[in-house]
Amino acid sequence: MFLNSLSGRFLMLTAAFVMLAEVLIFVPSVARFREDYLLSRLERAQIASLVLLADDMIDAELEQELLLNAEVFNVVLRRDEARELMLSSPVPGPVAASYDLRNAAGVTLMKDAVMRLLHPDNDVIRVIGNPVREGGLVIEVTMESAPLRMAMLDYGQRILWLSAIISVLTGLLLYLAVQVLMVRPIRKVVDNMAGYAQAPEDARKIIAPASGITELREAEEALHDLQEQLSQALKQKERLAALGGAVARISHDLRNILTTAQLFADRVEMSEDPGVQRAVPKLMGSINRAVNLCESTLAFGRAEEPAPRLTRVPLADVVGDVVDSERLAAGEHDISYGEDVPAGMLVRADSEQLYRILRNLVRNARQAIQATGKPGEILVSGVETHEEWTIRVTDTGPGLPKRAQDLLFQPFAAGGRKGGTGLGLAIAAELVRGHGGRLELERTGPEGTVFAIHLPRGLETLTETLPQEEAAQ
């Protein structure tokens, strides 16, 4: 759990990065330590040789003590172009390597240091350097490598332990900083989101931005705006739901009242009074529009349309039923109907819902043509491809105005004709979406309008119900 937390991972990464940084500087540090170690031996050897410069003759015991304190076997000092062996003692073996510290490059020093750490043998080495305080031209000493390697290992262990302590302390400090500066503010935001999810309608649950960190403050402000918008949307949805219920009840009762009024209007229509005869058509038209509005509102106000029961439907039969109904509704108006559906063309659809879709589209086309007072034509055609079935409803009406095109499938946004409810196309589009297809306006203008219904052939997400006669076979 600790490693899965943000602060825990931050702690581990900090420790790892500090250790990596220490490892990267370990080699240069050891190389520097080795150089200082060798330079100190050269300095000690130079100091020991000063005794011989003061007195040409020293006894053997003093010479051995000087060499022992300097930790070298012999000292060679070059002064005035003369190379002179200042102090000497028996060398236990041949010189294995020589190191010149006068102009050694950093890469060379690091390479020599690594090689010495990896080479555990106690070799005899020669070290060459510049004397301090212009005590000569060159000073050389021979010495053992084992003490140098042990000192380097001891220094490296101290460096590693110190690095570990620094990384742990740095990680802990950063862990605490992350807890205070990031984790706690983030946890507050998460707790607020959880509390808001339990009661989104409670305005007290909306977060109040208070973080001093710029990024977290921006996140809190964005969350605050989102919660405010969501709360307002939920309140509006509740109000609309209540309003919808009230409208549905009012529409139901109003429809009953208007139905009664319609019956009385039918009787009044029988009157021979010329004034009554002139008023009755307007009265009947107003009552019919009111009844249609109530019925459309009730139909749209249902919670949801039932899922389509998909069967293989002969498209020509459905189109024929729709055209026959619309011919009767057109009355004496000069409107011709055409059907261009291939014989035997079957579409996978709900026959009742497909009828409602086509009836809405054809009725809209008929009413648009009737509004012009001119003759017109309506054509229903169907084609199929490997991907989909396409059904088009084409008319020669006046076309849709710009406002109607902008609000084409929005309910109660009628803009195509006077007295429309704006529900026909919204219901049709919803039914087509229920089939997994889409309803779109292909073109519209003074020459007419074309609506296209696209039904996909492959509907794996929908359950296809075979007709009873197919199941029996």
Protein backbone atom coordinates (compact mmCIF):
# COMPACT_ATOMS: atom_id res chain seq x y z
CA MET A 1 0.00 0.00 0.00
CA PHE A 2 2.84 2.37 0.84
CA LEU A 3 4.58 1.78 -2.50
CA ASN A 4 1.29 2.29 -4.35
CA SER A 5 0.82 5.73 -2.79
CA LEU A 6 2.07 8.91 -4.43
CA SER A 7 4.21 9.92 -1.44
CA GLY A 8 5.65 6.40 -1.07
CA ARG A 9 6.74 6.23 -4.66
CA PHE A 10 8.12 9.75 -4.44
CA LEU A 11 10.20 8.70 -1.40
CA MET A 12 11.60 5.64 -3.16
CA LEU A 13 12.39 7.57 -6.33
CA THR A 14 14.10 10.31 -4.36
CA ALA A 15 16.32 7.81 -2.52
CA ALA A 16 17.14 6.04 -5.79
CA PHE A 17 18.00 9.28 -7.59
CA VAL A 18 20.20 10.50 -4.71
CA MET A 19 22.06 7.18 -4.67
CA LEU A 20 22.44 7.34 -8.44
CA ALA A 21 23.86 10.85 -8.15
CA GLU A 22 26.29 9.70 -5.47
CA VAL A 23 27.40 6.77 -7.59
CA LEU A 24 28.03 9.13 -10.48
CA ILE A 25 30.24 11.33 -8.31
CA PHE A 26 31.85 8.38 -6.47
CA VAL A 27 34.53 7.72 -9.11
CA PRO A 28 35.65 11.38 -9.35
CA SER A 29 35.65 11.58 -5.54
CA VAL A 30 37.82 8.45 -5.14
CA ALA A 31 40.14 9.68 -7.89
CA ARG A 32 40.55 12.98 -6.06
CA PHE A 33 41.19 11.16 -2.78
CA ARG A 34 43.87 8.97 -4.44
CA GLU A 35 45.58 12.05 -5.88
CA ASP A 36 45.59 13.80 -2.50
CA TYR A 37 46.90 10.63 -0.85
CA LEU A 38 49.81 10.36 -3.28
CA LEU A 39 50.57 14.09 -3.08
CA SER A 40 50.70 13.86 0.71
CA ARG A 41 53.25 11.04 0.44
CA LEU A 42 55.35 13.17 -1.90
CA GLU A 43 55.17 16.06 0.56
CA ARG A 44 56.18 13.83 3.47
CA ALA A 45 59.09 12.46 1.44
CA GLN A 46 60.22 16.00 0.59
CA ILE A 47 60.12 17.01 4.25
CA ALA A 48 62.12 13.91 5.20
CA SER A 49 64.76 14.75 2.57
CA LEU A 50 65.28 18.19 4.13
CA VAL A 51 67.26 16.52 6.94
CA LEU A 52 69.79 15.29 4.42
CA LEU A 53 70.06 18.74 2.87
CA ALA A 54 70.95 20.16 6.30
CA ASP A 55 73.46 17.40 7.09
CA ASP A 56 75.02 15.26 4.37
CA MET A 57 75.58 12.42 6.81
CA ILE A 58 72.75 10.84 8.84
CA ASP A 59 72.83 7.45 10.49
CA ALA A 60 70.89 4.49 9.07
CA GLU A 61 68.39 4.34 11.92
CA LEU A 62 67.28 7.95 11.38
CA GLU A 63 67.00 7.37 7.63
CA GLN A 64 64.78 4.30 8.17
CA GLU A 65 62.60 6.23 10.60
CA LEU A 66 62.17 9.09 8.13
CA LEU A 67 61.21 6.67 5.33
CA LEU A 68 58.82 4.81 7.61
CA ASN A 69 57.06 8.01 8.64
CA ALA A 70 56.79 9.04 4.99
CA GLU A 71 55.54 5.49 4.09
CA VAL A 72 57.90 5.23 1.12
CA PHE A 73 60.93 3.10 0.21
CA ASN A 74 63.14 5.77 -1.32
CA VAL A 75 63.13 9.42 -2.31
CA VAL A 76 64.70 10.89 -5.44
CA LEU A 77 64.95 14.67 -5.76
CA ARG A 78 66.03 16.46 -8.88
CA ARG A 79 67.64 19.83 -8.18
CA ASP A 80 69.64 21.93 -10.67
CA GLU A 81 69.30 19.26 -13.37
CA ALA A 82 70.96 16.76 -11.04
CA ARG A 83 69.01 13.66 -9.99
CA GLU A 84 69.96 12.65 -6.48
CA LEU A 85 68.84 9.73 -4.32
CA MET A 86 68.09 11.42 -1.06
CA LEU A 87 66.79 8.56 1.07
CA SER A 88 66.72 4.88 0.29
CA SER A 89 65.87 1.47 1.73
CA PRO A 90 65.54 -2.04 0.30
CA VAL A 91 62.66 -2.32 -2.22
CA PRO A 92 60.71 -5.61 -1.83
CA GLY A 93 60.20 -6.07 -5.58
CA PRO A 94 60.27 -4.52 -9.01
CA VAL A 95 58.28 -1.39 -9.76
CA ALA A 96 54.95 -2.49 -11.29
CA ALA A 97 53.69 0.92 -12.42
CA SER A 98 54.65 4.57 -12.51
CA TYR A 99 52.26 7.50 -12.05
CA ASP A 100 53.12 11.08 -13.02
CA LEU A 101 50.92 13.56 -11.14
CA ARG A 102 52.40 16.69 -12.67
CA ASN A 103 50.02 17.05 -15.60
CA ALA A 104 47.65 14.13 -15.15
CA ALA A 105 44.24 14.56 -16.80
CA GLY A 106 41.04 13.96 -14.89
CA VAL A 107 40.12 10.96 -17.03
CA THR A 108 43.53 9.42 -16.41
CA LEU A 109 43.23 9.93 -12.66
CA MET A 110 39.76 8.31 -12.60
CA LYS A 111 40.95 5.37 -14.70
CA ASP A 112 43.97 4.79 -12.44
CA ALA A 113 41.78 4.98 -9.33
CA VAL A 114 39.31 2.41 -10.66
CA MET A 115 42.10 0.08 -11.73
CA ARG A 116 43.69 0.31 -8.28
CA LEU A 117 40.37 -0.54 -6.58
CA LEU A 118 39.93 -3.56 -8.86
CA HIS A 119 43.57 -4.73 -8.40
CA PRO A 120 44.03 -6.19 -4.89
CA ASP A 121 47.74 -7.12 -5.23
CA ASN A 122 50.32 -5.24 -3.15
CA ASP A 123 52.51 -3.81 -5.90
CA VAL A 124 55.47 -1.46 -5.72
CA ILE A 125 54.65 1.76 -7.56
CA ARG A 126 56.60 4.89 -8.49
CA VAL A 127 54.98 8.28 -7.99
CA ILE A 128 56.33 11.43 -9.68
CA GLY A 129 55.31 14.97 -8.79
CA ASN A 130 56.35 18.57 -8.29
CA PRO A 131 58.04 19.49 -5.01
CA VAL A 132 56.19 21.97 -2.84
CA ARG A 133 57.45 25.55 -2.37
CA GLU A 134 59.95 25.18 -5.23
CA GLY A 135 62.01 22.66 -3.25
CA GLY A 136 63.36 21.19 -6.49
CA LEU A 137 62.39 20.33 -10.02
CA VAL A 138 60.96 16.82 -9.63
CA ILE A 139 60.47 14.47 -6.73
CA GLU A 140 60.01 10.72 -7.06
CA VAL A 141 59.12 8.10 -4.46
CA THR A 142 58.51 4.36 -4.49
CA MET A 143 55.86 2.90 -2.22
CA GLU A 144 53.48 0.00 -1.70
CA SER A 145 49.99 0.08 -3.26
CA ALA A 146 48.16 -1.91 -0.56
CA PRO A 147 47.90 0.98 1.99
CA LEU A 148 46.66 3.24 -0.82
CA ARG A 149 43.98 0.73 -1.81
CA MET A 150 42.86 0.23 1.81
CA ALA A 151 42.59 4.00 2.30
CA MET A 152 40.56 4.30 -0.90
CA LEU A 153 38.19 1.51 0.18
CA ASP A 154 37.72 3.10 3.57
CA TYR A 155 37.00 6.47 1.96
CA GLY A 156 34.54 4.86 -0.48
CA GLN A 157 32.64 3.16 2.34
CA ARG A 158 32.35 6.46 4.18
CA ILE A 159 31.07 8.11 1.01
CA LEU A 160 28.48 5.37 0.44
CA TRP A 161 27.24 5.47 4.03
CA LEU A 162 27.05 9.23 3.93
CA SER A 163 25.16 9.03 0.63
CA ALA A 164 22.70 6.56 2.08
CA ILE A 165 22.06 8.78 5.09
CA ILE A 166 21.65 11.85 2.89
CA SER A 167 19.27 10.03 0.55
CA VAL A 168 17.12 8.77 3.43
CA LEU A 169 16.97 12.17 5.11
CA THR A 170 16.27 13.90 1.79
CA GLY A 171 13.59 11.36 0.97
CA LEU A 172 11.91 11.75 4.36
CA LEU A 173 11.93 15.54 4.08
CA LEU A 174 10.50 15.36 0.57
CA TYR A 175 7.97 12.77 1.74
CA LEU A 176 6.74 15.14 4.42
CA ALA A 177 6.72 18.03 1.94
CA VAL A 178 4.70 16.02 -0.57
CA GLN A 179 2.28 14.98 2.16
CA VAL A 180 1.70 18.58 3.21
CA LEU A 181 1.86 20.31 -0.18
CA MET A 182 0.30 17.73 -2.51
CA VAL A 183 -1.19 14.60 -0.97
CA ARG A 184 -3.35 16.32 1.64
CA PRO A 185 -4.78 18.90 -0.80
CA ILE A 186 -5.44 16.14 -3.35
CA ARG A 187 -7.08 14.00 -0.68
CA LYS A 188 -9.30 16.94 0.24
CA VAL A 189 -10.37 17.26 -3.39
CA VAL A 190 -11.08 13.52 -3.58
CA ASP A 191 -13.06 13.61 -0.32
CA ASN A 192 -15.04 16.58 -1.65
CA MET A 193 -15.82 14.72 -4.87
CA ALA A 194 -16.99 11.69 -2.91
CA GLY A 195 -19.16 13.85 -0.64
CA TYR A 196 -20.58 15.74 -3.59
CA ALA A 197 -21.42 12.47 -5.37
CA GLN A 198 -23.56 11.43 -2.39
CA ALA A 199 -25.62 14.64 -2.42
CA PRO A 200 -25.05 16.64 -5.63
CA GLU A 201 -28.12 18.74 -4.97
CA ASP A 202 -26.63 20.10 -1.72
CA ALA A 203 -24.90 23.40 -2.51
CA ARG A 204 -22.77 23.05 0.64
CA LYS A 205 -20.99 20.10 -0.97
CA ILE A 206 -19.55 22.27 -3.76
CA ILE A 207 -15.82 22.71 -3.26
CA ALA A 208 -14.47 26.12 -2.27
CA PRO A 209 -11.03 26.67 -3.95
CA ALA A 210 -8.49 27.38 -1.24
CA SER A 211 -5.19 25.80 -2.30
CA GLY A 212 -2.12 27.99 -2.46
CA ILE A 213 -0.51 25.82 -5.15
CA THR A 214 -1.25 27.17 -8.61
CA GLU A 215 -1.93 23.81 -10.28
CA LEU A 216 -4.13 22.52 -7.46
CA ARG A 217 -5.94 25.85 -7.30
CA GLU A 218 -6.70 25.59 -11.02
CA ALA A 219 -7.97 22.02 -10.52
CA GLU A 220 -10.17 23.12 -7.62
CA GLU A 221 -11.57 26.02 -9.62
CA ALA A 222 -12.32 23.72 -12.57
CA LEU A 223 -14.01 21.23 -10.21
CA HIS A 224 -15.97 24.05 -8.59
CA ASP A 225 -17.27 25.23 -11.97
CA LEU A 226 -18.12 21.66 -12.98
CA GLN A 227 -20.00 20.99 -9.75
CA GLU A 228 -21.93 24.25 -10.06
CA GLN A 229 -22.94 23.47 -13.62
CA LEU A 230 -23.89 19.91 -12.69
CA SER A 231 -25.94 21.07 -9.70
CA GLN A 232 -27.77 23.60 -11.86
CA ALA A 233 -28.37 20.96 -14.52
CA LEU A 234 -29.74 18.54 -11.93
CA LYS A 235 -32.04 21.21 -10.50
CA GLN A 236 -33.20 22.12 -13.99
CA LYS A 237 -33.74 18.43 -14.76
CA GLU A 238 -35.85 18.03 -11.62
CA ARG A 239 -37.87 21.11 -12.51
CA LEU A 240 -38.32 19.91 -16.07
CA ALA A 241 -39.32 16.45 -14.85
CA ALA A 242 -41.92 17.97 -12.54
CA LEU A 243 -43.04 20.31 -15.30
CA GLY A 244 -43.22 17.40 -17.73
CA GLY A 245 -45.41 15.42 -15.35
CA ALA A 246 -47.68 18.40 -14.90
CA VAL A 247 -47.84 19.04 -18.64
CA ALA A 248 -48.64 15.39 -19.28
CA ARG A 249 -51.52 15.44 -16.79
CA ILE A 250 -52.79 18.75 -18.16
CA SER A 251 -52.49 17.51 -21.74
CA HIS A 252 -54.38 14.32 -20.86
CA ASP A 253 -57.25 16.23 -19.27
CA LEU A 254 -57.20 18.88 -21.97
CA ARG A 255 -57.39 16.24 -24.67
CA ASN A 256 -60.52 14.81 -23.07
CA ILE A 257 -62.06 18.28 -22.88
CA LEU A 258 -61.14 19.03 -26.48
CA THR A 259 -62.56 15.71 -27.63
CA THR A 260 -65.88 16.70 -26.11
CA ALA A 261 -65.63 20.12 -27.71
CA GLN A 262 -64.89 18.43 -31.01
CA LEU A 263 -68.10 16.41 -30.79
CA PHE A 264 -70.15 19.55 -30.14
CA ALA A 265 -68.37 21.32 -32.99
CA ASP A 266 -69.39 18.50 -35.32
CA ARG A 267 -73.03 19.13 -34.40
CA VAL A 268 -72.66 22.87 -34.79
CA GLU A 269 -71.27 22.23 -38.27
CA MET A 270 -74.71 20.97 -39.29
CA SER A 271 -76.23 24.42 -38.69
CA GLU A 272 -77.40 26.26 -41.78
CA ASP A 273 -76.60 29.67 -40.33
CA PRO A 274 -74.14 31.36 -42.74
CA GLY A 275 -72.21 32.94 -39.85
CA VAL A 276 -71.88 29.60 -38.15
CA GLN A 277 -70.77 27.98 -41.39
CA ARG A 278 -67.99 30.54 -41.76
CA ALA A 279 -66.79 30.14 -38.14
CA VAL A 280 -66.97 26.36 -37.84
CA PRO A 281 -63.97 25.51 -40.09
CA LYS A 282 -61.73 27.83 -38.09
CA LEU A 283 -63.08 26.40 -34.85
CA MET A 284 -62.56 22.82 -36.07
CA GLY A 285 -59.03 23.63 -37.22
CA SER A 286 -58.13 25.14 -33.86
CA ILE A 287 -59.58 22.19 -31.96
CA ASN A 288 -57.80 19.66 -34.21
CA ARG A 289 -54.47 21.43 -33.75
CA ALA A 290 -54.96 21.49 -29.99
CA VAL A 291 -55.81 17.77 -29.94
CA ASN A 292 -52.76 16.96 -32.07
CA LEU A 293 -50.53 19.02 -29.77
CA CYS A 294 -51.88 17.18 -26.70
CA GLU A 295 -51.38 13.78 -28.31
CA SER A 296 -47.85 14.64 -29.50
CA THR A 297 -46.91 15.97 -26.07
CA LEU A 298 -48.21 12.83 -24.39
CA ALA A 299 -46.37 10.60 -26.87
CA PHE A 300 -43.08 12.48 -26.46
CA GLY A 301 -43.48 12.64 -22.70
CA ARG A 302 -43.23 8.87 -22.27
CA ALA A 303 -40.20 7.81 -20.25
CA GLU A 304 -38.70 6.08 -23.27
CA GLU A 305 -39.64 4.33 -26.45
CA PRO A 306 -39.76 0.54 -26.19
CA ALA A 307 -36.81 -1.28 -27.70
CA PRO A 308 -37.49 -2.19 -31.33
CA ARG A 309 -38.50 -5.78 -32.05
CA LEU A 310 -36.41 -6.40 -35.13
CA THR A 311 -37.83 -8.61 -37.87
CA ARG A 312 -37.44 -8.93 -41.61
CA VAL A 313 -39.98 -6.37 -42.81
CA PRO A 314 -41.07 -6.02 -46.47
CA LEU A 315 -40.36 -2.34 -47.05
CA ALA A 316 -42.84 -2.03 -49.93
CA ASP A 317 -45.77 -3.05 -47.67
CA VAL A 318 -44.90 -0.45 -45.02
CA VAL A 319 -44.43 2.28 -47.63
CA GLY A 320 -47.73 1.34 -49.26
CA ASP A 321 -49.61 1.64 -45.95
CA VAL A 322 -48.08 5.05 -45.30
CA VAL A 323 -48.87 6.35 -48.79
CA ASP A 324 -52.48 5.09 -48.64
CA SER A 325 -53.03 6.86 -45.32
CA GLU A 326 -51.54 10.11 -46.60
CA ARG A 327 -53.61 10.03 -49.78
CA LEU A 328 -56.73 10.04 -47.64
CA ALA A 329 -55.36 12.83 -45.46
CA ALA A 330 -54.49 14.96 -48.51
CA GLY A 331 -58.16 15.10 -49.53
CA GLU A 332 -58.71 17.02 -52.74
CA HIS A 333 -55.30 18.71 -52.75
CA ASP A 334 -53.29 17.92 -55.88
CA ILE A 335 -50.45 15.80 -54.47
CA SER A 336 -49.08 12.78 -56.29
CA TYR A 337 -47.32 9.96 -54.46
CA GLY A 338 -44.58 7.71 -55.81
CA GLU A 339 -43.05 4.47 -54.53
CA ASP A 340 -39.65 3.31 -55.76
CA VAL A 341 -38.92 0.26 -53.62
CA PRO A 342 -37.44 -2.92 -55.15
CA ALA A 343 -39.81 -5.87 -55.01
CA GLY A 344 -38.91 -8.28 -52.24
CA MET A 345 -36.64 -5.79 -50.44
CA LEU A 346 -36.55 -6.72 -46.77
CA VAL A 347 -35.18 -4.48 -44.04
CA ARG A 348 -34.36 -5.43 -40.47
CA ALA A 349 -36.62 -3.17 -38.42
CA ASP A 350 -39.61 -2.90 -36.11
CA SER A 351 -42.55 -2.66 -38.52
CA GLU A 352 -44.67 -0.47 -36.24
CA GLN A 353 -41.85 1.97 -35.48
CA LEU A 354 -40.78 2.06 -39.14
CA TYR A 355 -44.35 2.95 -40.07
CA ARG A 356 -44.33 5.82 -37.54
CA ILE A 357 -41.01 7.10 -38.88
CA LEU A 358 -42.15 7.15 -42.50
CA ARG A 359 -45.59 8.51 -41.58
CA ASN A 360 -43.98 11.47 -39.78
CA LEU A 361 -41.70 12.25 -42.74
CA VAL A 362 -44.40 11.86 -45.40
CA ARG A 363 -46.92 13.85 -43.35
CA ASN A 364 -44.44 16.69 -42.94
CA ALA A 365 -43.82 16.69 -46.70
CA ARG A 366 -47.57 16.71 -47.45
CA GLN A 367 -48.27 19.56 -45.04
CA ALA A 368 -45.37 21.59 -46.48
CA ILE A 369 -46.78 21.21 -50.01
CA GLN A 370 -50.33 21.97 -48.86
CA ALA A 371 -49.09 25.18 -47.22
CA THR A 372 -47.97 26.48 -50.61
CA GLY A 373 -51.38 25.87 -52.20
CA LYS A 374 -49.63 24.42 -55.25
CA PRO A 375 -49.50 20.85 -56.64
CA GLY A 376 -46.59 18.71 -55.52
CA GLU A 377 -45.01 15.28 -55.53
CA ILE A 378 -43.77 12.99 -52.77
CA LEU A 379 -41.52 10.01 -53.53
CA VAL A 380 -40.49 7.25 -51.11
CA SER A 381 -37.56 5.17 -52.41
CA GLY A 382 -35.35 2.47 -51.00
CA VAL A 383 -31.92 1.08 -51.89
CA GLU A 384 -29.64 -1.41 -50.18
CA THR A 385 -25.89 -1.99 -50.10
CA HIS A 386 -23.65 -4.44 -48.31
CA GLU A 387 -23.43 -2.05 -45.35
CA GLU A 388 -26.91 -0.55 -44.96
CA TRP A 389 -30.45 0.08 -46.17
CA THR A 390 -31.27 3.64 -47.21
CA ILE A 391 -34.86 4.95 -47.38
CA ARG A 392 -35.41 8.42 -48.85
CA VAL A 393 -38.46 10.66 -48.65
CA THR A 394 -38.30 13.30 -51.39
CA ASP A 395 -40.80 16.12 -51.90
CA THR A 396 -41.17 19.14 -54.18
CA GLY A 397 -42.16 21.47 -51.35
CA PRO A 398 -40.73 24.92 -50.62
CA GLY A 399 -37.84 23.63 -48.53
CA LEU A 400 -36.99 24.22 -44.89
CA PRO A 401 -36.18 27.73 -43.61
CA LYS A 402 -32.80 28.37 -42.00
CA ARG A 403 -34.21 28.40 -38.46
CA ALA A 404 -35.87 25.04 -38.98
CA GLN A 405 -32.58 23.56 -40.23
CA ASP A 406 -30.70 24.80 -37.16
CA LEU A 407 -33.24 23.22 -34.78
CA LEU A 408 -34.14 20.27 -36.98
CA PHE A 409 -34.37 17.40 -34.49
CA GLN A 410 -34.96 19.38 -31.29
CA PRO A 411 -38.36 18.84 -29.67
CA PHE A 412 -40.79 21.77 -29.42
CA ALA A 413 -38.61 23.79 -31.80
CA ALA A 414 -40.97 23.89 -34.80
CA GLY A 415 -39.84 26.26 -37.48
CA GLY A 416 -40.90 24.59 -40.68
CA ARG A 417 -44.62 25.43 -40.73
CA LYS A 418 -47.15 27.39 -38.79
CA GLY A 419 -48.97 25.40 -36.11
CA GLY A 420 -46.37 22.60 -35.95
CA THR A 421 -45.37 21.13 -32.60
CA GLY A 422 -41.77 20.34 -33.47
CA LEU A 423 -42.12 16.76 -32.20
CA GLY A 424 -42.49 14.74 -35.41
CA LEU A 425 -38.88 14.84 -36.52
CA ALA A 426 -37.59 14.52 -32.93
CA ILE A 427 -39.63 11.32 -32.43
CA ALA A 428 -38.61 9.96 -35.84
CA ALA A 429 -34.92 10.59 -35.17
CA GLU A 430 -35.19 8.90 -31.77
CA LEU A 431 -36.82 5.83 -33.29
CA VAL A 432 -34.16 5.59 -36.01
CA ARG A 433 -31.40 5.80 -33.38
CA GLY A 434 -33.13 2.96 -31.55
CA HIS A 435 -32.53 0.85 -34.67
CA GLY A 436 -28.83 1.74 -34.60
CA GLY A 437 -29.23 4.02 -37.62
CA ARG A 438 -29.46 7.72 -38.31
CA LEU A 439 -31.90 10.18 -39.82
CA GLU A 440 -30.41 13.05 -41.76
CA LEU A 441 -31.42 15.91 -44.00
CA GLU A 442 -29.65 15.35 -47.31
CA ARG A 443 -30.72 18.56 -49.03
CA THR A 444 -33.40 21.23 -48.93
CA GLY A 445 -34.22 24.30 -50.98
CA PRO A 446 -36.81 25.85 -53.32
CA GLU A 447 -36.70 22.70 -55.47
CA GLY A 448 -37.67 20.45 -52.56
CA THR A 449 -36.41 18.49 -49.57
CA VAL A 450 -34.87 15.02 -49.15
CA PHE A 451 -34.70 13.12 -45.84
CA ALA A 452 -32.70 9.88 -45.68
CA ILE A 453 -33.04 7.02 -43.19
CA HIS A 454 -29.89 4.90 -42.86
CA LEU A 455 -30.34 1.48 -41.23
CA PRO A 456 -27.19 -0.64 -40.78
CA ARG A 457 -27.28 -4.24 -41.94
CA GLY A 458 -25.07 -5.54 -39.12
CA LEU A 459 -26.73 -4.88 -35.75
CA GLU A 460 -24.94 -7.21 -33.38
CA THR A 461 -25.88 -5.09 -30.38
CA LEU A 462 -29.60 -5.50 -31.00
CA THR A 463 -31.61 -8.69 -30.59
CA GLU A 464 -33.34 -9.78 -33.74
CA THR A 465 -36.76 -11.37 -33.24
CA LEU A 466 -37.80 -13.61 -36.08
CA PRO A 467 -41.42 -13.55 -37.26
CA GLN A 468 -43.66 -16.32 -36.05
CA GLU A 469 -43.90 -17.89 -39.47
CA GLU A 470 -40.10 -17.96 -39.87
CA ALA A 471 -39.73 -19.51 -36.42
CA ALA A 472 -42.28 -22.15 -37.31
CA GLN A 473 -40.30 -23.08 -40.40
